[in-house]
Amino acid sequence: MAADIRKSGIDVLGDLSWGEHFCLFYETKEDLLDTVVPYFKTGFDSNEFCVWAVSAPLTEAEARTALRQAVRVLDHDLADRSIEIVSGHEWYLKGDNVDPKKITAGWHEKLNRALVAGYEGLRVSGNAFWLGTEYWQDFYDYEEELDESVAGQPMIVLCTYPLAESRPSDILDVGRAHRRALARRKGVWEIMRFAEAGAGTRSLTRRELEVLTWVARGKSAWEIGVILGISKRTVDEHTQTAKRKLGAANRAEAVAIAVRERTIAP
C-alpha cells in the first residue's frame, strides 16, 4: 500500500493519514473554493484519483474552471479521468431515494478502479445540499456509514457544509460524524472541537447505539430485530462491531462500558 501519510493541501491541517474523513463548514463560495481546490491539486500531484461531487453554490462549470486555473494540464486529466467532476444530486440521489450503503459502495468501486489503474488511492469531496430537507436523517446515516467504511482504506474524504444553512444542532451532528471539523469564514480558519463521550464510544454508529440500548433493556437479538425492523443477523453484526470498538468481551461488558461513558442510558 502507498505511504499512509498524505499531504492535505490545507495549511491548517498539514499531513493526513489514509482513511481520513473530515468536514468543512464554509461561509462563502470563495471559502469553499479556497479549500477544495488546493485539496484536489495536492491529490493530483500525489498520484491520487480525485472525485468532486459538486452542488450549489457551485456549478460543475465553476468547479472545472477553478481546477483548471490550479492544474494547468487539467483538460487532459479530465479527458483521461484523473480528476472527475460529477453532479452531487445525481451521485447521491437515485430518484428520490437515499441509500447510504449504495453511496458508500460507489466510492469503494471508484477506489478499486483507481488502484487497478495505478493510482495511490482515492481523494473525494462532496458538498452537502441536504440541510433542511427531508433527506437529512438519511444523509446523517450515510456520514456514519462512510466514516466506518473508509477506516484503513487508501481514501481521504472531505465533506463540505454551508454555515448559513446549518442549524446549531446540524453543526453538532455533522461534527461528531467526522474525525475532524474545520470552519472557514471570510478566509479565516478555525479548528472546531466537539465534546465526545469517550475514546471507545465516539465511533459507534447510530444503529449500533440503538442495538446496545435495547440490549441494555434485556431484549434478545430477535426481539431487537423486530423492534428496529432489521434481521437478527444484522443485529448480531451490529453487536459484534460495537463490542470490538469498545474492547468488550461480551454483550454485557459492551453495555456496561457504554453506560459508564454515558453513551447510552442505564
Protein backbone atom coordinates (compact mmCIF):
# COMPACT_ATOMS: atom_id res chain seq x y z
CA MET A 1 0.00 0.00 0.00
CA ALA A 2 1.09 3.59 -0.61
CA ALA A 3 2.55 5.54 2.30
CA ASP A 4 -0.04 6.19 4.98
CA ILE A 5 0.90 9.87 5.40
CA ARG A 6 -0.53 12.14 2.70
CA LYS A 7 -0.36 15.89 2.22
CA SER A 8 -3.75 17.53 2.72
CA GLY A 9 -3.18 20.72 0.72
CA ILE A 10 -4.84 22.58 3.63
CA ASP A 11 -2.29 24.54 5.65
CA VAL A 12 -4.18 24.42 8.94
CA LEU A 13 -4.29 20.61 8.78
CA GLY A 14 -0.90 19.66 7.42
CA ASP A 15 -0.49 15.96 6.70
CA LEU A 16 -3.28 13.39 6.89
CA SER A 17 -3.45 9.63 7.07
CA TRP A 18 -5.29 7.35 4.70
CA GLY A 19 -8.80 6.67 5.98
CA GLU A 20 -9.35 10.30 6.98
CA HIS A 21 -12.97 11.53 6.90
CA PHE A 22 -13.28 15.22 7.82
CA CYS A 23 -15.61 18.12 7.21
CA LEU A 24 -15.52 21.83 6.44
CA PHE A 25 -18.13 24.45 7.33
CA TYR A 26 -17.71 27.35 4.90
CA GLU A 27 -19.25 30.81 4.80
CA THR A 28 -18.77 31.92 1.19
CA LYS A 29 -18.22 30.35 -2.19
CA GLU A 30 -14.68 31.70 -2.10
CA ASP A 31 -14.05 29.97 1.22
CA LEU A 32 -15.23 26.71 -0.32
CA LEU A 33 -13.04 27.06 -3.42
CA ASP A 34 -10.00 28.21 -1.41
CA THR A 35 -10.21 24.93 0.50
CA VAL A 36 -11.27 22.32 -2.02
CA VAL A 37 -9.13 23.39 -4.98
CA PRO A 38 -5.76 23.13 -3.13
CA TYR A 39 -7.00 19.90 -1.56
CA PHE A 40 -7.55 18.37 -5.00
CA LYS A 41 -4.42 19.87 -6.55
CA THR A 42 -2.38 18.17 -3.82
CA GLY A 43 -4.13 14.88 -4.50
CA PHE A 44 -3.47 15.22 -8.22
CA ASP A 45 0.21 15.96 -7.57
CA SER A 46 0.37 12.88 -5.30
CA ASN A 47 -0.98 10.49 -7.95
CA GLU A 48 -4.36 10.12 -6.28
CA PHE A 49 -7.57 9.72 -8.26
CA CYS A 50 -9.79 12.71 -7.42
CA VAL A 51 -13.59 12.92 -7.45
CA TRP A 52 -15.56 16.09 -6.70
CA ALA A 53 -19.34 15.76 -6.23
CA VAL A 54 -20.48 19.34 -6.88
CA SER A 55 -23.70 21.06 -5.84
CA ALA A 56 -24.86 24.62 -5.06
CA PRO A 57 -23.43 27.17 -4.51
CA LEU A 58 -21.06 25.85 -7.19
CA THR A 59 -21.88 24.61 -10.65
CA GLU A 60 -19.86 21.91 -12.36
CA ALA A 61 -18.60 24.53 -14.83
CA GLU A 62 -17.36 26.76 -11.99
CA ALA A 63 -15.62 23.83 -10.33
CA ARG A 64 -13.98 22.89 -13.63
CA THR A 65 -12.78 26.46 -14.20
CA ALA A 66 -11.36 26.76 -10.68
CA LEU A 67 -9.44 23.50 -11.03
CA ARG A 68 -8.20 24.42 -14.49
CA GLN A 69 -6.60 27.55 -13.05
CA ALA A 70 -4.83 25.48 -10.38
CA VAL A 71 -3.81 22.49 -12.50
CA ARG A 72 -2.55 23.60 -15.89
CA VAL A 73 -2.97 20.25 -17.62
CA LEU A 74 -6.49 19.75 -16.28
CA ASP A 75 -8.17 19.45 -19.69
CA HIS A 76 -6.04 16.41 -20.46
CA ASP A 77 -6.57 14.99 -16.99
CA LEU A 78 -10.32 15.41 -17.20
CA ALA A 79 -10.22 13.61 -20.52
CA ASP A 80 -8.42 10.58 -19.10
CA ARG A 81 -10.41 10.83 -15.84
CA SER A 82 -7.55 11.59 -13.45
CA ILE A 83 -9.87 14.21 -11.94
CA GLU A 84 -13.60 13.57 -12.16
CA ILE A 85 -16.32 16.17 -11.52
CA VAL A 86 -19.83 14.82 -11.00
CA SER A 87 -23.23 16.24 -10.10
CA GLY A 88 -23.82 15.85 -6.38
CA HIS A 89 -27.55 15.34 -6.85
CA GLU A 90 -27.01 12.61 -9.43
CA TRP A 91 -24.33 10.88 -7.37
CA TYR A 92 -26.09 10.90 -4.00
CA LEU A 93 -29.74 10.61 -5.05
CA LYS A 94 -31.21 7.78 -7.07
CA GLY A 95 -34.55 9.29 -8.00
CA ASP A 96 -35.88 10.48 -4.65
CA ASN A 97 -34.16 7.78 -2.63
CA VAL A 98 -31.05 7.88 -0.46
CA ASP A 99 -29.26 4.59 0.17
CA PRO A 100 -26.21 5.12 2.44
CA LYS A 101 -24.78 1.68 1.70
CA LYS A 102 -25.05 2.12 -2.07
CA ILE A 103 -23.40 5.54 -1.98
CA THR A 104 -20.55 4.19 0.14
CA ALA A 105 -20.22 1.16 -2.15
CA GLY A 106 -19.98 3.56 -5.09
CA TRP A 107 -16.97 5.29 -3.53
CA HIS A 108 -15.30 1.95 -2.93
CA GLU A 109 -15.93 0.94 -6.53
CA LYS A 110 -14.15 4.12 -7.67
CA LEU A 111 -11.33 3.32 -5.25
CA ASN A 112 -10.88 -0.18 -6.67
CA ARG A 113 -10.82 1.16 -10.23
CA ALA A 114 -8.26 3.80 -9.23
CA LEU A 115 -5.97 1.21 -7.65
CA VAL A 116 -6.21 -1.05 -10.71
CA ALA A 117 -5.32 1.94 -12.88
CA GLY A 118 -2.16 2.56 -10.84
CA TYR A 119 -3.22 5.43 -8.60
CA GLU A 120 -2.06 5.60 -4.98
CA GLY A 121 -5.61 5.92 -3.71
CA LEU A 122 -8.80 7.99 -3.87
CA ARG A 123 -9.39 11.61 -2.79
CA VAL A 124 -13.02 12.71 -2.56
CA SER A 125 -15.04 15.80 -1.74
CA GLY A 126 -18.81 16.22 -1.74
CA ASN A 127 -20.84 19.34 -0.95
CA ALA A 128 -23.92 18.92 1.24
CA PHE A 129 -27.20 20.02 -0.32
CA TRP A 130 -29.46 18.16 2.10
CA LEU A 131 -29.53 20.51 5.10
CA GLY A 132 -33.10 21.41 5.99
CA THR A 133 -34.53 18.81 3.61
CA GLU A 134 -36.41 15.54 4.05
CA TYR A 135 -33.11 13.73 3.34
CA TRP A 136 -31.26 14.98 6.43
CA GLN A 137 -31.51 11.83 8.56
CA ASP A 138 -30.66 9.59 5.60
CA PHE A 139 -27.51 11.59 4.89
CA TYR A 140 -26.54 11.66 8.54
CA ASP A 141 -26.73 7.85 8.45
CA TYR A 142 -24.60 7.98 5.29
CA GLU A 143 -21.91 10.04 7.04
CA GLU A 144 -21.72 7.47 9.84
CA GLU A 145 -21.65 4.59 7.34
CA LEU A 146 -18.90 6.31 5.36
CA ASP A 147 -16.81 7.09 8.44
CA GLU A 148 -16.68 3.43 9.37
CA SER A 149 -16.09 2.17 5.84
CA VAL A 150 -13.08 4.37 4.97
CA ALA A 151 -11.08 3.31 8.04
CA GLY A 152 -7.89 1.59 6.90
CA GLN A 153 -8.60 2.26 3.23
CA PRO A 154 -6.42 4.35 0.85
CA MET A 155 -9.09 7.06 0.77
CA ILE A 156 -9.40 10.63 2.04
CA VAL A 157 -12.86 12.20 2.18
CA LEU A 158 -13.73 15.87 2.70
CA CYS A 159 -17.41 16.75 3.23
CA THR A 160 -18.34 20.43 2.93
CA TYR A 161 -21.31 22.15 4.60
CA PRO A 162 -22.58 25.74 4.21
CA LEU A 163 -22.59 27.59 7.53
CA ALA A 164 -25.53 29.80 6.57
CA GLU A 165 -27.82 26.80 6.15
CA SER A 166 -26.56 24.85 9.19
CA ARG A 167 -28.53 24.98 12.42
CA PRO A 168 -26.54 24.61 15.67
CA SER A 169 -27.84 21.06 16.02
CA ASP A 170 -26.74 20.28 12.45
CA ILE A 171 -23.22 21.50 13.20
CA LEU A 172 -23.02 19.32 16.30
CA ASP A 173 -24.33 16.24 14.48
CA VAL A 174 -22.06 16.71 11.47
CA GLY A 175 -19.01 17.46 13.61
CA ARG A 176 -19.46 14.30 15.63
CA ALA A 177 -19.88 12.17 12.49
CA HIS A 178 -16.41 13.21 11.27
CA ARG A 179 -12.96 12.72 12.70
CA ARG A 180 -12.04 16.38 12.27
CA ALA A 181 -14.06 19.51 11.64
CA LEU A 182 -12.86 22.83 10.21
CA ALA A 183 -14.54 26.15 9.56
CA ARG A 184 -13.52 28.85 7.12
CA ARG A 185 -15.13 32.25 7.41
CA LYS A 186 -14.06 35.08 5.10
CA GLY A 187 -10.66 33.48 4.65
CA VAL A 188 -10.05 32.77 8.34
CA TRP A 189 -9.56 29.18 9.55
CA GLU A 190 -10.95 27.66 12.73
CA ILE A 191 -10.48 24.12 14.03
CA MET A 192 -13.76 23.03 15.61
CA ARG A 193 -13.81 20.75 18.63
CA PHE A 194 -16.78 18.74 19.80
CA ALA A 195 -17.42 17.05 23.13
CA GLU A 196 -17.09 13.29 22.82
CA ALA A 197 -18.43 10.59 25.09
CA GLY A 198 -15.14 8.73 25.21
CA ALA A 199 -12.39 7.29 23.06
CA GLY A 200 -14.12 3.94 22.74
CA THR A 201 -17.67 5.06 22.08
CA ARG A 202 -17.27 8.05 19.79
CA SER A 203 -17.08 5.87 16.67
CA LEU A 204 -20.26 3.90 17.37
CA THR A 205 -22.89 4.46 14.70
CA ARG A 206 -26.45 5.46 15.50
CA ARG A 207 -27.67 1.94 14.73
CA GLU A 208 -25.03 0.36 16.99
CA LEU A 209 -26.13 2.65 19.82
CA GLU A 210 -29.77 1.69 19.24
CA VAL A 211 -28.90 -2.01 19.38
CA LEU A 212 -26.88 -1.57 22.59
CA THR A 213 -29.71 0.41 24.14
CA TRP A 214 -32.15 -2.46 23.56
CA VAL A 215 -29.57 -4.99 24.77
CA ALA A 216 -29.35 -2.95 27.98
CA ARG A 217 -33.12 -3.30 28.32
CA GLY A 218 -32.84 -7.06 28.23
CA LYS A 219 -34.08 -7.67 24.69
CA SER A 220 -32.85 -10.64 22.66
CA ALA A 221 -31.31 -10.21 19.21
CA TRP A 222 -34.54 -11.49 17.64
CA GLU A 223 -36.66 -9.03 19.64
CA ILE A 224 -34.34 -6.13 18.76
CA GLY A 225 -34.61 -7.06 15.09
CA VAL A 226 -38.41 -6.87 15.28
CA ILE A 227 -38.29 -3.51 17.09
CA LEU A 228 -35.83 -1.93 14.64
CA GLY A 229 -37.14 -3.62 11.52
CA ILE A 230 -33.89 -5.42 10.71
CA SER A 231 -32.82 -9.07 10.68
CA LYS A 232 -31.45 -10.94 13.68
CA ARG A 233 -28.23 -11.42 11.71
CA THR A 234 -27.90 -7.67 11.25
CA VAL A 235 -28.48 -7.14 14.97
CA ASP A 236 -25.74 -9.66 15.75
CA GLU A 237 -23.37 -7.91 13.33
CA HIS A 238 -24.01 -4.51 14.97
CA THR A 239 -23.48 -6.06 18.40
CA GLN A 240 -20.19 -7.66 17.36
CA THR A 241 -18.94 -4.41 15.84
CA ALA A 242 -19.89 -2.44 18.96
CA LYS A 243 -18.11 -5.00 21.16
CA ARG A 244 -14.97 -4.73 19.05
CA LYS A 245 -14.96 -0.92 19.11
CA LEU A 246 -15.47 -0.86 22.87
CA GLY A 247 -12.92 -3.58 23.56
CA ALA A 248 -15.60 -5.66 25.30
CA ALA A 249 -15.54 -9.43 25.73
CA ASN A 250 -19.33 -9.86 25.55
CA ARG A 251 -22.65 -8.04 25.23
CA ALA A 252 -22.94 -7.33 28.93
CA GLU A 253 -19.50 -5.74 29.10
CA ALA A 254 -20.23 -3.64 26.00
CA VAL A 255 -23.38 -2.31 27.64
CA ALA A 256 -21.52 -1.62 30.89
CA ILE A 257 -18.84 0.39 29.05
CA ALA A 258 -21.41 2.37 27.06
CA VAL A 259 -23.38 3.15 30.24
CA ARG A 260 -20.23 4.13 32.14
CA GLU A 261 -19.24 6.53 29.36
CA ARG A 262 -22.81 7.88 29.26
CA THR A 263 -23.30 6.96 25.63
CA ILE A 264 -26.50 5.08 26.40
CA ALA A 265 -28.86 5.44 29.35
CA PRO A 266 -28.64 2.79 32.10
